[in-house]
C-alpha atoms as a PDB file:
ATOM      1  CA  MET A   1       0.122  -0.708  -4.500  1.00  0.00           C
ATOM      2  CA  LYS A   2      -3.518  -0.464  -5.465  1.00  0.00           C
ATOM      3  CA  PHE A   3      -5.946   2.383  -4.563  1.00  0.00           C
ATOM      4  CA  LEU A   4      -9.750   2.943  -4.701  1.00  0.00           C
ATOM      5  CA  VAL A   5     -10.467   6.624  -4.600  1.00  0.00           C
ATOM      6  CA  ASP A   6     -13.767   7.643  -2.777  1.00  0.00           C
ATOM      7  CA  ASN A   7     -16.354   9.835  -4.524  1.00  0.00           C
ATOM      8  CA  ALA A   8     -15.781  12.571  -1.980  1.00  0.00           C
ATOM      9  CA  LEU A   9     -12.425  13.283  -3.812  1.00  0.00           C
ATOM     10  CA  SER A  10     -12.093  14.175  -7.344  1.00  0.00           C
ATOM     11  CA  PRO A  11     -11.485  11.721 -10.134  1.00  0.00           C
ATOM     12  CA  PHE A  12      -8.311  13.820 -10.632  1.00  0.00           C
ATOM     13  CA  VAL A  13      -6.775  12.173  -7.484  1.00  0.00           C
ATOM     14  CA  ALA A  14      -6.997   8.632  -9.231  1.00  0.00           C
ATOM     15  CA  GLU A  15      -5.654  10.038 -12.558  1.00  0.00           C
ATOM     16  CA  LYS A  16      -2.536  11.597 -10.753  1.00  0.00           C
ATOM     17  CA  LEU A  17      -1.910   8.267  -8.901  1.00  0.00           C
ATOM     18  CA  ARG A  18      -2.024   6.413 -12.113  1.00  0.00           C
ATOM     19  CA  GLU A  19       0.559   9.057 -13.583  1.00  0.00           C
ATOM     20  CA  ALA A  20       2.755   8.195 -10.841  1.00  0.00           C
ATOM     21  CA  GLY A  21       2.662   4.656 -11.645  1.00  0.00           C
ATOM     22  CA  TYR A  22       0.123   3.352  -9.169  1.00  0.00           C
ATOM     23  CA  ASP A  23      -2.944   1.111 -10.002  1.00  0.00           C
ATOM     24  CA  ALA A  24      -5.649   3.648  -8.931  1.00  0.00           C
ATOM     25  CA  VAL A  25      -9.334   3.619  -9.746  1.00  0.00           C
ATOM     26  CA  HIS A  26     -12.149   6.307  -8.855  1.00  0.00           C
ATOM     27  CA  VAL A  27     -15.435   4.819  -7.650  1.00  0.00           C
ATOM     28  CA  ARG A  28     -17.024   6.592 -10.501  1.00  0.00           C
ATOM     29  CA  GLU A  29     -15.105   4.220 -12.891  1.00  0.00           C
ATOM     30  CA  TYR A  30     -17.166   1.483 -11.283  1.00  0.00           C
ATOM     31  CA  ARG A  31     -20.264   3.348 -11.403  1.00  0.00           C
ATOM     32  CA  MET A  32     -20.478   3.210  -7.582  1.00  0.00           C
ATOM     33  CA  GLN A  33     -20.670   6.847  -6.915  1.00  0.00           C
ATOM     34  CA  GLY A  34     -24.270   6.515  -5.374  1.00  0.00           C
ATOM     35  CA  VAL A  35     -23.846   3.349  -3.312  1.00  0.00           C
ATOM     36  CA  LYS A  36     -23.395   3.073   0.434  1.00  0.00           C
ATOM     37  CA  ASP A  37     -20.005   3.328   2.125  1.00  0.00           C
ATOM     38  CA  LYS A  38     -20.140  -0.341   3.091  1.00  0.00           C
ATOM     39  CA  GLU A  39     -20.220  -1.366  -0.574  1.00  0.00           C
ATOM     40  CA  ILE A  40     -17.137   0.618  -1.332  1.00  0.00           C
ATOM     41  CA  PHE A  41     -15.388  -0.744   1.684  1.00  0.00           C
ATOM     42  CA  LEU A  42     -16.189  -4.297   0.557  1.00  0.00           C
ATOM     43  CA  GLN A  43     -14.844  -3.390  -2.888  1.00  0.00           C
ATOM     44  CA  THR A  44     -11.792  -2.118  -1.499  1.00  0.00           C
ATOM     45  CA  ILE A  45     -11.373  -5.487   0.442  1.00  0.00           C
ATOM     46  CA  GLN A  46     -12.080  -7.688  -2.577  1.00  0.00           C
ATOM     47  CA  GLU A  47      -9.661  -6.098  -4.791  1.00  0.00           C
ATOM     48  CA  ARG A  48      -7.016  -5.612  -1.881  1.00  0.00           C
ATOM     49  CA  ARG A  49      -6.876  -1.835  -2.467  1.00  0.00           C
ATOM     50  CA  VAL A  50      -6.087   1.186  -0.229  1.00  0.00           C
ATOM     51  CA  ASN A  51      -9.092   3.297   0.261  1.00  0.00           C
ATOM     52  CA  VAL A  52      -8.465   6.955  -0.340  1.00  0.00           C
ATOM     53  CA  SER A  53     -11.110   9.259   1.178  1.00  0.00           C
ATOM     54  CA  VAL A  54     -12.167  12.294   3.224  1.00  0.00           C
ATOM     55  CA  ASP A  55     -15.087  10.349   4.668  1.00  0.00           C
ATOM     56  CA  THR A  56     -14.642   9.458   8.244  1.00  0.00           C
ATOM     57  CA  ASP A  57     -17.225   6.752   7.940  1.00  0.00           C
ATOM     58  CA  PHE A  58     -14.623   4.465   6.454  1.00  0.00           C
ATOM     59  CA  GLY A  59     -12.684   4.536   9.567  1.00  0.00           C
ATOM     60  CA  ASN A  60     -15.669   3.647  11.476  1.00  0.00           C
ATOM     61  CA  LEU A  61     -16.314   0.674   9.292  1.00  0.00           C
ATOM     62  CA  LEU A  62     -12.676  -0.500   9.596  1.00  0.00           C
ATOM     63  CA  ALA A  63     -12.989  -0.139  13.414  1.00  0.00           C
ATOM     64  CA  GLY A  64     -16.257  -2.399  13.333  1.00  0.00           C
ATOM     65  CA  TRP A  65     -14.734  -4.752  10.748  1.00  0.00           C
ATOM     66  CA  GLY A  66     -12.418  -6.479  13.233  1.00  0.00           C
ATOM     67  CA  SER A  67      -9.462  -6.674  10.798  1.00  0.00           C
ATOM     68  CA  GLY A  68      -6.530  -4.679  10.027  1.00  0.00           C
ATOM     69  CA  GLU A  69      -7.533  -4.496   6.392  1.00  0.00           C
ATOM     70  CA  PRO A  70      -8.128  -2.619   4.199  1.00  0.00           C
ATOM     71  CA  SER A  71      -5.855   0.006   4.675  1.00  0.00           C
ATOM     72  CA  ILE A  72      -7.243   3.525   4.542  1.00  0.00           C
ATOM     73  CA  ILE A  73      -5.797   6.806   3.733  1.00  0.00           C
ATOM     74  CA  LEU A  74      -8.037   9.500   5.147  1.00  0.00           C
ATOM     75  CA  PHE A  75      -7.518  13.261   4.429  1.00  0.00           C
ATOM     76  CA  ARG A  76      -8.979  16.005   6.764  1.00  0.00           C
ATOM     77  CA  LYS A  77      -8.589  19.586   6.995  1.00  0.00           C
ATOM     78  CA  GLY A  78     -10.828  20.732   4.209  1.00  0.00           C
ATOM     79  CA  VAL A  79      -9.355  18.918   1.318  1.00  0.00           C
ATOM     80  CA  ARG A  80     -12.549  17.642   0.016  1.00  0.00           C
ATOM     81  CA  LYS A  81     -12.680  20.474  -2.614  1.00  0.00           C
ATOM     82  CA  ALA A  82      -8.997  21.242  -3.173  1.00  0.00           C
ATOM     83  CA  THR A  83      -8.120  18.383  -5.258  1.00  0.00           C
ATOM     84  CA  GLY A  84      -4.490  19.715  -5.911  1.00  0.00           C
ATOM     85  CA  LYS A  85      -3.935  19.974  -2.247  1.00  0.00           C
ATOM     86  CA  ALA A  86      -5.307  16.382  -1.729  1.00  0.00           C
ATOM     87  CA  SER A  87      -2.962  15.104  -4.523  1.00  0.00           C
ATOM     88  CA  ARG A  88       0.048  16.772  -3.244  1.00  0.00           C
ATOM     89  CA  ALA A  89      -0.840  15.514   0.211  1.00  0.00           C
ATOM     90  CA  ALA A  90      -1.372  12.131  -1.039  1.00  0.00           C
ATOM     91  CA  PHE A  91       1.999  11.844  -2.946  1.00  0.00           C
ATOM     92  CA  GLY A  92       3.899  13.190   0.034  1.00  0.00           C
ATOM     93  CA  SER A  93       2.426  10.608   2.301  1.00  0.00           C
ATOM     94  CA  LEU A  94       2.929   7.820  -0.242  1.00  0.00           C
ATOM     95  CA  LYS A  95       6.616   8.608  -0.626  1.00  0.00           C
ATOM     96  CA  ALA A  96       7.060   8.621   3.219  1.00  0.00           C
ATOM     97  CA  ASP A  97       4.879   5.789   3.877  1.00  0.00           C
ATOM     98  CA  ARG A  98       5.216   3.478   0.867  1.00  0.00           C
ATOM     99  CA  GLY A  99       6.911   0.564   2.722  1.00  0.00           C
ATOM    100  CA  ARG A 100       4.574   0.794   5.565  1.00  0.00           C
ATOM    101  CA  LEU A 101       1.617   0.770   3.331  1.00  0.00           C
ATOM    102  CA  GLU A 102       2.794  -2.258   1.239  1.00  0.00           C
ATOM    103  CA  ARG A 103       3.409  -4.146   4.526  1.00  0.00           C
ATOM    104  CA  ARG A 104      -0.119  -3.127   5.657  1.00  0.00           C
ATOM    105  CA  GLU A 105       1.216  -1.445   8.692  1.00  0.00           C
ATOM    106  CA  HIS A 106      -0.784   1.270  10.414  1.00  0.00           C
ATOM    107  CA  SER A 107      -0.013   5.082  10.723  1.00  0.00           C
ATOM    108  CA  ASN A 108      -1.853   7.296  12.859  1.00  0.00           C
ATOM    109  CA  GLN A 109      -0.314  10.256  10.843  1.00  0.00           C
ATOM    110  CA  TRP A 110      -2.972  12.990   9.854  1.00  0.00           C
ATOM    111  CA  CYS A 111      -2.637  15.099   6.731  1.00  0.00           C
END
């Protein structure tokens, strides 16, 4: 499974995903931290990654895209600054939903 972590989350999240054996990249590694969300969305599609963010704009982009891809993991409830909390939530969700994510099935589960 491949992930693209949005700039609204710390690079620590991508680092921890890599340590867990996932192919994860933070947008800063692509020097995309200042680009529009749509460009990050298109990068996610191009590389067949799962977008990881706290930015609800990605959900809006997906809804307007007219396709079930890319998959998006959207964290809410104030995890923007709490990188440890976001990482723990990400790993817990990945363990529970790994098969569904790999099959590109959707979940309406909120963290």
